[in-house]
Full PDB file with SEQRES, HELIX, SHEET, SSBOND, CRYST1, ORIGX, SCALE, CONECT and MASTER records, all heavy atoms in Angstrom:
SEQRES   1 A   36  LYS LEU VAL PRO ALA SER CYS PRO ASP CYS GLY GLY PRO          
SEQRES   2 A   36  LEU TRP GLU ILE ASP GLU GLU VAL PRO ARG PHE ARG CYS          
SEQRES   3 A   36  HIS THR GLY HIS ALA TYR THR ALA ARG HIS                      
SHEET    1 AA1 4 LEU A   2  SER A   6  0                                        
SHEET    2 AA1 4 PRO A  13  ILE A  17 -1                                        
SHEET    3 AA1 4 ARG A  23  CYS A  26 -1                                        
SHEET    4 AA1 4 ALA A  31  THR A  33 -1                                        
CRYST1    1.000    1.000    1.000  90.00  90.00  90.00 P 1           1          
ORIGX1      1.000000  0.000000  0.000000        0.00000                         
ORIGX2      0.000000  1.000000  0.000000        0.00000                         
ORIGX3      0.000000  0.000000  1.000000        0.00000                         
SCALE1      1.000000  0.000000  0.000000        0.00000                         
SCALE2      0.000000  1.000000  0.000000        0.00000                         
SCALE3      0.000000  0.000000  1.000000        0.00000                         
ATOM      1  N   LYS A   1     130.374 104.443  99.206  1.00  0.00           N  
ATOM      2  CA  LYS A   1     131.030 105.679  99.688  1.00  0.00           C  
ATOM      3  C   LYS A   1     132.476 105.442 100.166  1.00  0.00           C  
ATOM      4  O   LYS A   1     132.811 104.370 100.713  1.00  0.00           O  
ATOM      5  CB  LYS A   1     130.239 106.261 100.847  1.00  0.00           C  
ATOM      6  CG  LYS A   1     130.173 105.434 102.052  1.00  0.00           C  
ATOM      7  CD  LYS A   1     129.329 106.135 103.148  1.00  0.00           C  
ATOM      8  CE  LYS A   1     129.330 105.155 104.360  1.00  0.00           C  
ATOM      9  NZ  LYS A   1     128.389 105.544 105.348  1.00  0.00           N  
ATOM     10  N   LEU A   2     133.308 106.393  99.899  1.00  0.00           N  
ATOM     11  CA  LEU A   2     134.714 106.353 100.288  1.00  0.00           C  
ATOM     12  C   LEU A   2     134.801 106.361 101.796  1.00  0.00           C  
ATOM     13  O   LEU A   2     134.088 107.070 102.506  1.00  0.00           O  
ATOM     14  CB  LEU A   2     135.437 107.574  99.721  1.00  0.00           C  
ATOM     15  CG  LEU A   2     136.946 107.571  99.760  1.00  0.00           C  
ATOM     16  CD1 LEU A   2     137.557 106.432  98.978  1.00  0.00           C  
ATOM     17  CD2 LEU A   2     137.463 108.917  99.218  1.00  0.00           C  
ATOM     18  N   VAL A   3     135.693 105.522 102.348  1.00  0.00           N  
ATOM     19  CA  VAL A   3     135.837 105.461 103.825  1.00  0.00           C  
ATOM     20  C   VAL A   3     137.271 105.878 104.197  1.00  0.00           C  
ATOM     21  O   VAL A   3     138.117 105.752 103.390  1.00  0.00           O  
ATOM     22  CB  VAL A   3     135.537 104.010 104.348  1.00  0.00           C  
ATOM     23  CG1 VAL A   3     134.047 103.631 104.152  1.00  0.00           C  
ATOM     24  CG2 VAL A   3     136.439 102.997 103.744  1.00  0.00           C  
ATOM     25  N   PRO A   4     137.484 106.343 105.373  1.00  0.00           N  
ATOM     26  CA  PRO A   4     138.747 106.821 105.810  1.00  0.00           C  
ATOM     27  C   PRO A   4     139.718 105.668 106.244  1.00  0.00           C  
ATOM     28  O   PRO A   4     140.119 105.645 107.378  1.00  0.00           O  
ATOM     29  CB  PRO A   4     138.462 107.779 107.040  1.00  0.00           C  
ATOM     30  CG  PRO A   4     137.194 107.216 107.597  1.00  0.00           C  
ATOM     31  CD  PRO A   4     136.438 106.663 106.406  1.00  0.00           C  
ATOM     32  N   ALA A   5     139.949 104.851 105.374  1.00  0.00           N  
ATOM     33  CA  ALA A   5     140.871 103.702 105.604  1.00  0.00           C  
ATOM     34  C   ALA A   5     141.494 103.313 104.271  1.00  0.00           C  
ATOM     35  O   ALA A   5     140.935 103.608 103.197  1.00  0.00           O  
ATOM     36  CB  ALA A   5     140.091 102.509 106.193  1.00  0.00           C  
ATOM     37  N   SER A   6     142.630 102.594 104.322  1.00  0.00           N  
ATOM     38  CA  SER A   6     143.311 102.144 103.148  1.00  0.00           C  
ATOM     39  C   SER A   6     143.264 100.672 103.048  1.00  0.00           C  
ATOM     40  O   SER A   6     143.171  99.905 104.012  1.00  0.00           O  
ATOM     41  CB  SER A   6     144.841 102.582 103.241  1.00  0.00           C  
ATOM     42  OG  SER A   6     144.924 103.931 103.280  1.00  0.00           O  
ATOM     43  N   CYS A   7     143.300 100.162 101.799  1.00  0.00           N  
ATOM     44  CA  CYS A   7     143.297  98.716 101.584  1.00  0.00           C  
ATOM     45  C   CYS A   7     144.557  98.115 102.186  1.00  0.00           C  
ATOM     46  O   CYS A   7     145.647  98.564 101.934  1.00  0.00           O  
ATOM     47  CB  CYS A   7     143.341  98.491 100.056  1.00  0.00           C  
ATOM     48  SG  CYS A   7     143.463  96.752  99.567  1.00  0.00           S  
ATOM     49  N   PRO A   8     144.386  97.055 103.018  1.00  0.00           N  
ATOM     50  CA  PRO A   8     145.520  96.447 103.637  1.00  0.00           C  
ATOM     51  C   PRO A   8     146.496  95.817 102.677  1.00  0.00           C  
ATOM     52  O   PRO A   8     147.698  95.620 102.931  1.00  0.00           O  
ATOM     53  CB  PRO A   8     144.924  95.397 104.608  1.00  0.00           C  
ATOM     54  CG  PRO A   8     143.506  95.669 104.603  1.00  0.00           C  
ATOM     55  CD  PRO A   8     143.135  96.527 103.486  1.00  0.00           C  
ATOM     56  N   ASP A   9     145.979  95.412 101.513  1.00  0.00           N  
ATOM     57  CA  ASP A   9     146.749  94.664 100.508  1.00  0.00           C  
ATOM     58  C   ASP A   9     147.542  95.605  99.639  1.00  0.00           C  
ATOM     59  O   ASP A   9     148.712  95.377  99.321  1.00  0.00           O  
ATOM     60  CB  ASP A   9     145.940  93.767  99.646  1.00  0.00           C  
ATOM     61  CG  ASP A   9     145.460  92.498 100.415  1.00  0.00           C  
ATOM     62  OD1 ASP A   9     146.281  91.998 101.191  1.00  0.00           O  
ATOM     63  OD2 ASP A   9     144.318  92.192 100.232  1.00  0.00           O  
ATOM     64  N   CYS A  10     146.979  96.699  99.164  1.00  0.00           N  
ATOM     65  CA  CYS A  10     147.705  97.592  98.198  1.00  0.00           C  
ATOM     66  C   CYS A  10     147.775  99.023  98.663  1.00  0.00           C  
ATOM     67  O   CYS A  10     148.495  99.849  98.041  1.00  0.00           O  
ATOM     68  CB  CYS A  10     146.884  97.563  96.862  1.00  0.00           C  
ATOM     69  SG  CYS A  10     145.316  98.349  96.872  1.00  0.00           S  
ATOM     70  N   GLY A  11     147.204  99.387  99.751  1.00  0.00           N  
ATOM     71  CA  GLY A  11     147.249 100.751 100.289  1.00  0.00           C  
ATOM     72  C   GLY A  11     146.385 101.748  99.558  1.00  0.00           C  
ATOM     73  O   GLY A  11     146.403 102.934  99.898  1.00  0.00           O  
ATOM     74  N   GLY A  12     145.599 101.247  98.692  1.00  0.00           N  
ATOM     75  CA  GLY A  12     144.674 102.163  97.926  1.00  0.00           C  
ATOM     76  C   GLY A  12     143.445 102.574  98.755  1.00  0.00           C  
ATOM     77  O   GLY A  12     143.151 101.949  99.824  1.00  0.00           O  
ATOM     78  N   PRO A  13     142.609 103.497  98.224  1.00  0.00           N  
ATOM     79  CA  PRO A  13     141.427 103.922  98.956  1.00  0.00           C  
ATOM     80  C   PRO A  13     140.375 102.773  98.962  1.00  0.00           C  
ATOM     81  O   PRO A  13     140.378 101.937  98.125  1.00  0.00           O  
ATOM     82  CB  PRO A  13     140.905 105.113  98.119  1.00  0.00           C  
ATOM     83  CG  PRO A  13     141.493 104.953  96.757  1.00  0.00           C  
ATOM     84  CD  PRO A  13     142.811 104.227  96.947  1.00  0.00           C  
ATOM     85  N   LEU A  14     139.571 102.878  99.982  1.00  0.00           N  
ATOM     86  CA  LEU A  14     138.430 101.837 100.112  1.00  0.00           C  
ATOM     87  C   LEU A  14     137.102 102.515 100.092  1.00  0.00           C  
ATOM     88  O   LEU A  14     136.953 103.584 100.496  1.00  0.00           O  
ATOM     89  CB  LEU A  14     138.545 101.164 101.498  1.00  0.00           C  
ATOM     90  CG  LEU A  14     139.661 100.109 101.690  1.00  0.00           C  
ATOM     91  CD1 LEU A  14     139.693  99.681 103.133  1.00  0.00           C  
ATOM     92  CD2 LEU A  14     139.420  98.930 100.767  1.00  0.00           C  
ATOM     93  N   TRP A  15     136.168 101.783  99.481  1.00  0.00           N  
ATOM     94  CA  TRP A  15     134.766 102.148  99.423  1.00  0.00           C  
ATOM     95  C   TRP A  15     133.951 101.139 100.155  1.00  0.00           C  
ATOM     96  O   TRP A  15     134.242  99.946 100.100  1.00  0.00           O  
ATOM     97  CB  TRP A  15     134.340 102.274  97.944  1.00  0.00           C  
ATOM     98  CG  TRP A  15     134.756 103.513  97.223  1.00  0.00           C  
ATOM     99  CD1 TRP A  15     134.102 104.682  97.174  1.00  0.00           C  
ATOM    100  CD2 TRP A  15     135.984 103.668  96.600  1.00  0.00           C  
ATOM    101  NE1 TRP A  15     134.874 105.522  96.419  1.00  0.00           N  
ATOM    102  CE2 TRP A  15     136.068 104.969  96.121  1.00  0.00           C  
ATOM    103  CE3 TRP A  15     137.128 102.841  96.413  1.00  0.00           C  
ATOM    104  CZ2 TRP A  15     137.133 105.493  95.377  1.00  0.00           C  
ATOM    105  CZ3 TRP A  15     138.216 103.365  95.708  1.00  0.00           C  
ATOM    106  CH2 TRP A  15     138.177 104.675  95.205  1.00  0.00           C  
ATOM    107  N   GLU A  16     132.966 101.656 100.872  1.00  0.00           N  
ATOM    108  CA  GLU A  16     132.034 100.737 101.615  1.00  0.00           C  
ATOM    109  C   GLU A  16     130.856 100.493 100.620  1.00  0.00           C  
ATOM    110  O   GLU A  16     130.306 101.472 100.199  1.00  0.00           O  
ATOM    111  CB  GLU A  16     131.543 101.320 102.867  1.00  0.00           C  
ATOM    112  CG  GLU A  16     130.631 100.403 103.664  1.00  0.00           C  
ATOM    113  CD  GLU A  16     130.257 100.970 105.058  1.00  0.00           C  
ATOM    114  OE1 GLU A  16     130.759 102.020 105.468  1.00  0.00           O  
ATOM    115  OE2 GLU A  16     129.445 100.225 105.657  1.00  0.00           O  
ATOM    116  N   ILE A  17     130.597  99.230 100.336  1.00  0.00           N  
ATOM    117  CA  ILE A  17     129.540  98.910  99.479  1.00  0.00           C  
ATOM    118  C   ILE A  17     128.199  98.778 100.293  1.00  0.00           C  
ATOM    119  O   ILE A  17     128.130  98.101 101.287  1.00  0.00           O  
ATOM    120  CB  ILE A  17     129.845  97.522  98.823  1.00  0.00           C  
ATOM    121  CG1 ILE A  17     131.155  97.670  98.003  1.00  0.00           C  
ATOM    122  CG2 ILE A  17     128.677  97.125  97.861  1.00  0.00           C  
ATOM    123  CD1 ILE A  17     131.662  96.362  97.471  1.00  0.00           C  
ATOM    124  N   ASP A  18     127.248  99.522  99.787  1.00  0.00           N  
ATOM    125  CA  ASP A  18     125.988  99.566 100.463  1.00  0.00           C  
ATOM    126  C   ASP A  18     125.190  98.302 100.233  1.00  0.00           C  
ATOM    127  O   ASP A  18     124.518  98.069  99.218  1.00  0.00           O  
ATOM    128  CB  ASP A  18     125.091 100.764  99.905  1.00  0.00           C  
ATOM    129  CG  ASP A  18     125.107 101.930 100.854  1.00  0.00           C  
ATOM    130  OD1 ASP A  18     125.490 101.791 101.988  1.00  0.00           O  
ATOM    131  OD2 ASP A  18     124.813 103.040 100.335  1.00  0.00           O  
ATOM    132  N   GLU A  19     125.239  97.419 101.230  1.00  0.00           N  
ATOM    133  CA  GLU A  19     124.551  96.147 101.198  1.00  0.00           C  
ATOM    134  C   GLU A  19     124.088  95.802 102.609  1.00  0.00           C  
ATOM    135  O   GLU A  19     124.512  96.463 103.533  1.00  0.00           O  
ATOM    136  CB  GLU A  19     125.313  95.051 100.560  1.00  0.00           C  
ATOM    137  CG  GLU A  19     125.596  95.262  99.124  1.00  0.00           C  
ATOM    138  CD  GLU A  19     126.450  94.101  98.536  1.00  0.00           C  
ATOM    139  OE1 GLU A  19     126.958  93.242  99.267  1.00  0.00           O  
ATOM    140  OE2 GLU A  19     126.594  94.046  97.307  1.00  0.00           O  
ATOM    141  N   GLU A  20     123.317  94.795 102.824  1.00  0.00           N  
ATOM    142  CA  GLU A  20     122.845  94.405 104.083  1.00  0.00           C  
ATOM    143  C   GLU A  20     124.059  94.060 105.011  1.00  0.00           C  
ATOM    144  O   GLU A  20     124.134  94.523 106.133  1.00  0.00           O  
ATOM    145  CB  GLU A  20     121.972  93.194 104.011  1.00  0.00           C  
ATOM    146  CG  GLU A  20     121.297  92.858 105.334  1.00  0.00           C  
ATOM    147  CD  GLU A  20     120.217  91.765 105.168  1.00  0.00           C  
ATOM    148  OE1 GLU A  20     119.469  91.795 104.140  1.00  0.00           O  
ATOM    149  OE2 GLU A  20     120.218  90.883 106.046  1.00  0.00           O  
ATOM    150  N   VAL A  21     125.023  93.299 104.522  1.00  0.00           N  
ATOM    151  CA  VAL A  21     126.267  92.994 105.196  1.00  0.00           C  
ATOM    152  C   VAL A  21     127.367  93.960 104.668  1.00  0.00           C  
ATOM    153  O   VAL A  21     127.626  93.894 103.505  1.00  0.00           O  
ATOM    154  CB  VAL A  21     126.729  91.535 104.991  1.00  0.00           C  
ATOM    155  CG1 VAL A  21     128.024  91.238 105.719  1.00  0.00           C  
ATOM    156  CG2 VAL A  21     125.620  90.640 105.513  1.00  0.00           C  
ATOM    157  N   PRO A  22     127.907  94.826 105.549  1.00  0.00           N  
ATOM    158  CA  PRO A  22     128.931  95.779 105.071  1.00  0.00           C  
ATOM    159  C   PRO A  22     130.083  95.077 104.429  1.00  0.00           C  
ATOM    160  O   PRO A  22     130.649  94.079 104.918  1.00  0.00           O  
ATOM    161  CB  PRO A  22     129.346  96.511 106.342  1.00  0.00           C  
ATOM    162  CG  PRO A  22     128.300  96.230 107.318  1.00  0.00           C  
ATOM    163  CD  PRO A  22     127.709  94.919 106.990  1.00  0.00           C  
ATOM    164  N   ARG A  23     130.475  95.553 103.226  1.00  0.00           N  
ATOM    165  CA  ARG A  23     131.634  95.070 102.513  1.00  0.00           C  
ATOM    166  C   ARG A  23     132.417  96.260 102.061  1.00  0.00           C  
ATOM    167  O   ARG A  23     131.889  97.305 101.878  1.00  0.00           O  
ATOM    168  CB  ARG A  23     131.245  94.171 101.319  1.00  0.00           C  
ATOM    169  CG  ARG A  23     130.599  92.857 101.706  1.00  0.00           C  
ATOM    170  CD  ARG A  23     130.394  91.973 100.522  1.00  0.00           C  
ATOM    171  NE  ARG A  23     129.723  92.591  99.439  1.00  0.00           N  
ATOM    172  CZ  ARG A  23     130.187  92.603  98.163  1.00  0.00           C  
ATOM    173  NH1 ARG A  23     131.373  91.977  97.909  1.00  0.00           N  
ATOM    174  NH2 ARG A  23     129.580  93.189  97.173  1.00  0.00           N  
ATOM    175  N   PHE A  24     133.657  95.993 101.830  1.00  0.00           N  
ATOM    176  CA  PHE A  24     134.626  97.044 101.420  1.00  0.00           C  
ATOM    177  C   PHE A  24     135.398  96.576 100.186  1.00  0.00           C  
ATOM    178  O   PHE A  24     135.741  95.391 100.144  1.00  0.00           O  
ATOM    179  CB  PHE A  24     135.588  97.442 102.573  1.00  0.00           C  
ATOM    180  CG  PHE A  24     134.822  97.904 103.805  1.00  0.00           C  
ATOM    181  CD1 PHE A  24     134.337  96.914 104.751  1.00  0.00           C  
ATOM    182  CD2 PHE A  24     134.631  99.210 104.026  1.00  0.00           C  
ATOM    183  CE1 PHE A  24     133.655  97.344 105.809  1.00  0.00           C  
ATOM    184  CE2 PHE A  24     133.884  99.610 105.167  1.00  0.00           C  
ATOM    185  CZ  PHE A  24     133.447  98.701 106.040  1.00  0.00           C  
ATOM    186  N   ARG A  25     135.681  97.526  99.340  1.00  0.00           N  
ATOM    187  CA  ARG A  25     136.437  97.134  98.120  1.00  0.00           C  
ATOM    188  C   ARG A  25     137.342  98.325  97.740  1.00  0.00           C  
ATOM    189  O   ARG A  25     136.911  99.479  97.834  1.00  0.00           O  
ATOM    190  CB  ARG A  25     135.472  96.795  96.987  1.00  0.00           C  
ATOM    191  CG  ARG A  25     136.216  96.419  95.706  1.00  0.00           C  
ATOM    192  CD  ARG A  25     135.237  95.915  94.709  1.00  0.00           C  
ATOM    193  NE  ARG A  25     135.221  94.422  94.901  1.00  0.00           N  
ATOM    194  CZ  ARG A  25     134.358  93.607  94.374  1.00  0.00           C  
ATOM    195  NH1 ARG A  25     133.378  94.090  93.631  1.00  0.00           N  
ATOM    196  NH2 ARG A  25     134.465  92.346  94.553  1.00  0.00           N  
ATOM    197  N   CYS A  26     138.525  98.019  97.321  1.00  0.00           N  
ATOM    198  CA  CYS A  26     139.437  99.041  96.744  1.00  0.00           C  
ATOM    199  C   CYS A  26     139.337  99.140  95.173  1.00  0.00           C  
ATOM    200  O   CYS A  26     138.643  98.290  94.603  1.00  0.00           O  
ATOM    201  CB  CYS A  26     140.885  98.785  97.152  1.00  0.00           C  
ATOM    202  SG  CYS A  26     141.669  97.441  96.254  1.00  0.00           S  
ATOM    203  N   HIS A  27     139.907 100.121  94.607  1.00  0.00           N  
ATOM    204  CA  HIS A  27     139.807 100.292  93.170  1.00  0.00           C  
ATOM    205  C   HIS A  27     140.523  99.219  92.332  1.00  0.00           C  
ATOM    206  O   HIS A  27     140.231  99.126  91.171  1.00  0.00           O  
ATOM    207  CB  HIS A  27     140.319 101.694  92.777  1.00  0.00           C  
ATOM    208  CG  HIS A  27     141.780 101.840  92.871  1.00  0.00           C  
ATOM    209  ND1 HIS A  27     142.421 102.040  94.093  1.00  0.00           N  
ATOM    210  CD2 HIS A  27     142.768 101.838  91.945  1.00  0.00           C  
ATOM    211  CE1 HIS A  27     143.756 102.133  93.889  1.00  0.00           C  
ATOM    212  NE2 HIS A  27     143.965 102.004  92.621  1.00  0.00           N  
ATOM    213  N   THR A  28     141.370  98.429  92.990  1.00  0.00           N  
ATOM    214  CA  THR A  28     142.025  97.296  92.243  1.00  0.00           C  
ATOM    215  C   THR A  28     141.196  96.013  92.314  1.00  0.00           C  
ATOM    216  O   THR A  28     141.527  95.111  91.641  1.00  0.00           O  
ATOM    217  CB  THR A  28     143.452  97.092  92.694  1.00  0.00           C  
ATOM    218  OG1 THR A  28     143.452  96.695  94.061  1.00  0.00           O  
ATOM    219  CG2 THR A  28     144.329  98.337  92.530  1.00  0.00           C  
ATOM    220  N   GLY A  29     140.216  96.019  93.250  1.00  0.00           N  
ATOM    221  CA  GLY A  29     139.358  94.857  93.263  1.00  0.00           C  
ATOM    222  C   GLY A  29     139.493  94.016  94.591  1.00  0.00           C  
ATOM    223  O   GLY A  29     138.769  93.073  94.768  1.00  0.00           O  
ATOM    224  N   HIS A  30     140.457  94.378  95.495  1.00  0.00           N  
ATOM    225  CA  HIS A  30     140.480  93.643  96.752  1.00  0.00           C  
ATOM    226  C   HIS A  30     139.175  93.924  97.493  1.00  0.00           C  
ATOM    227  O   HIS A  30     138.714  95.027  97.549  1.00  0.00           O  
ATOM    228  CB  HIS A  30     141.667  94.159  97.609  1.00  0.00           C  
ATOM    229  CG  HIS A  30     142.965  93.902  96.984  1.00  0.00           C  
ATOM    230  ND1 HIS A  30     143.817  94.949  96.681  1.00  0.00           N  
ATOM    231  CD2 HIS A  30     143.608  92.753  96.580  1.00  0.00           C  
ATOM    232  CE1 HIS A  30     144.916  94.440  96.133  1.00  0.00           C  
ATOM    233  NE2 HIS A  30     144.786  93.114  96.062  1.00  0.00           N  
ATOM    234  N   ALA A  31     138.566  92.865  98.072  1.00  0.00           N  
ATOM    235  CA  ALA A  31     137.310  93.019  98.746  1.00  0.00           C  
ATOM    236  C   ALA A  31     137.340  92.318 100.147  1.00  0.00           C  
ATOM    237  O   ALA A  31     138.052  91.339 100.333  1.00  0.00           O  
ATOM    238  CB  ALA A  31     136.211  92.329  97.841  1.00  0.00           C  
ATOM    239  N   TYR A  32     136.618  92.938 101.064  1.00  0.00           N  
ATOM    240  CA  TYR A  32     136.651  92.492 102.445  1.00  0.00           C  
ATOM    241  C   TYR A  32     135.279  92.592 103.115  1.00  0.00           C  
ATOM    242  O   TYR A  32     134.536  93.548 102.812  1.00  0.00           O  
ATOM    243  CB  TYR A  32     137.566  93.398 103.319  1.00  0.00           C  
ATOM    244  CG  TYR A  32     138.951  93.549 102.693  1.00  0.00           C  
ATOM    245  CD1 TYR A  32     139.242  94.591 101.872  1.00  0.00           C  
ATOM    246  CD2 TYR A  32     139.950  92.654 103.045  1.00  0.00           C  
ATOM    247  CE1 TYR A  32     140.500  94.753 101.330  1.00  0.00           C  
ATOM    248  CE2 TYR A  32     141.190  92.811 102.542  1.00  0.00           C  
ATOM    249  CZ  TYR A  32     141.480  93.870 101.642  1.00  0.00           C  
ATOM    250  OH  TYR A  32     142.721  93.961 101.127  1.00  0.00           O  
ATOM    251  N   THR A  33     134.968  91.735 103.985  1.00  0.00           N  
ATOM    252  CA  THR A  33     133.903  91.907 104.993  1.00  0.00           C  
ATOM    253  C   THR A  33     134.496  92.913 105.991  1.00  0.00           C  
ATOM    254  O   THR A  33     135.678  93.124 106.071  1.00  0.00           O  
ATOM    255  CB  THR A  33     133.436  90.652 105.615  1.00  0.00           C  
ATOM    256  OG1 THR A  33     134.526  90.124 106.388  1.00  0.00           O  
ATOM    257  CG2 THR A  33     132.919  89.645 104.577  1.00  0.00           C  
ATOM    258  N   ALA A  34     133.686  93.423 106.874  1.00  0.00           N  
ATOM    259  CA  ALA A  34     134.163  94.327 107.945  1.00  0.00           C  
ATOM    260  C   ALA A  34     135.154  93.564 108.835  1.00  0.00           C  
ATOM    261  O   ALA A  34     136.207  94.110 109.172  1.00  0.00           O  
ATOM    262  CB  ALA A  34     132.972  94.835 108.710  1.00  0.00           C  
ATOM    263  N   ARG A  35     134.851  92.306 109.159  1.00  0.00           N  
ATOM    264  CA  ARG A  35     135.749  91.560 110.008  1.00  0.00           C  
ATOM    265  C   ARG A  35     137.091  91.310 109.368  1.00  0.00           C  
ATOM    266  O   ARG A  35     138.169  91.441 109.975  1.00  0.00           O  
ATOM    267  CB  ARG A  35     135.074  90.243 110.387  1.00  0.00           C  
ATOM    268  CG  ARG A  35     135.883  89.381 111.328  1.00  0.00           C  
ATOM    269  CD  ARG A  35     135.107  88.181 111.859  1.00  0.00           C  
ATOM    270  NE  ARG A  35     135.841  87.471 112.833  1.00  0.00           N  
ATOM    271  CZ  ARG A  35     136.504  86.310 112.618  1.00  0.00           C  
ATOM    272  NH1 ARG A  35     136.543  85.770 111.378  1.00  0.00           N  
ATOM    273  NH2 ARG A  35     137.195  85.720 113.587  1.00  0.00           N  
ATOM    274  N   HIS A  36     137.035  90.896 108.074  1.00  0.00           N  
ATOM    275  CA  HIS A  36     138.340  90.659 107.360  1.00  0.00           C  
ATOM    276  C   HIS A  36     139.100  91.899 107.128  1.00  0.00           C  
ATOM    277  O   HIS A  36     140.373  91.893 107.132  1.00  0.00           O  
ATOM    278  CB  HIS A  36     138.064  89.906 106.064  1.00  0.00           C  
ATOM    279  CG  HIS A  36     137.641  88.517 106.273  1.00  0.00           C  
ATOM    280  ND1 HIS A  36     136.438  88.049 106.120  1.00  0.00           N  
ATOM    281  CD2 HIS A  36     138.419  87.402 106.689  1.00  0.00           C  
ATOM    282  CE1 HIS A  36     136.368  86.714 106.446  1.00  0.00           C  
ATOM    283  NE2 HIS A  36     137.578  86.384 106.756  1.00  0.00           N  
TER     284      HIS A  36                                                      
MASTER        0    0    0    0    4    0    0    6  283    1    0    3          
END                                                                             
């Protein structure tokens, strides 16, 4: 699902990936844990 935050690297939209440990990814492929 789309989240109300932007990718810190490119400024693009972020999606939260539904997994046991929350992860986030933008449309260009930057990926983050919640902490990162």
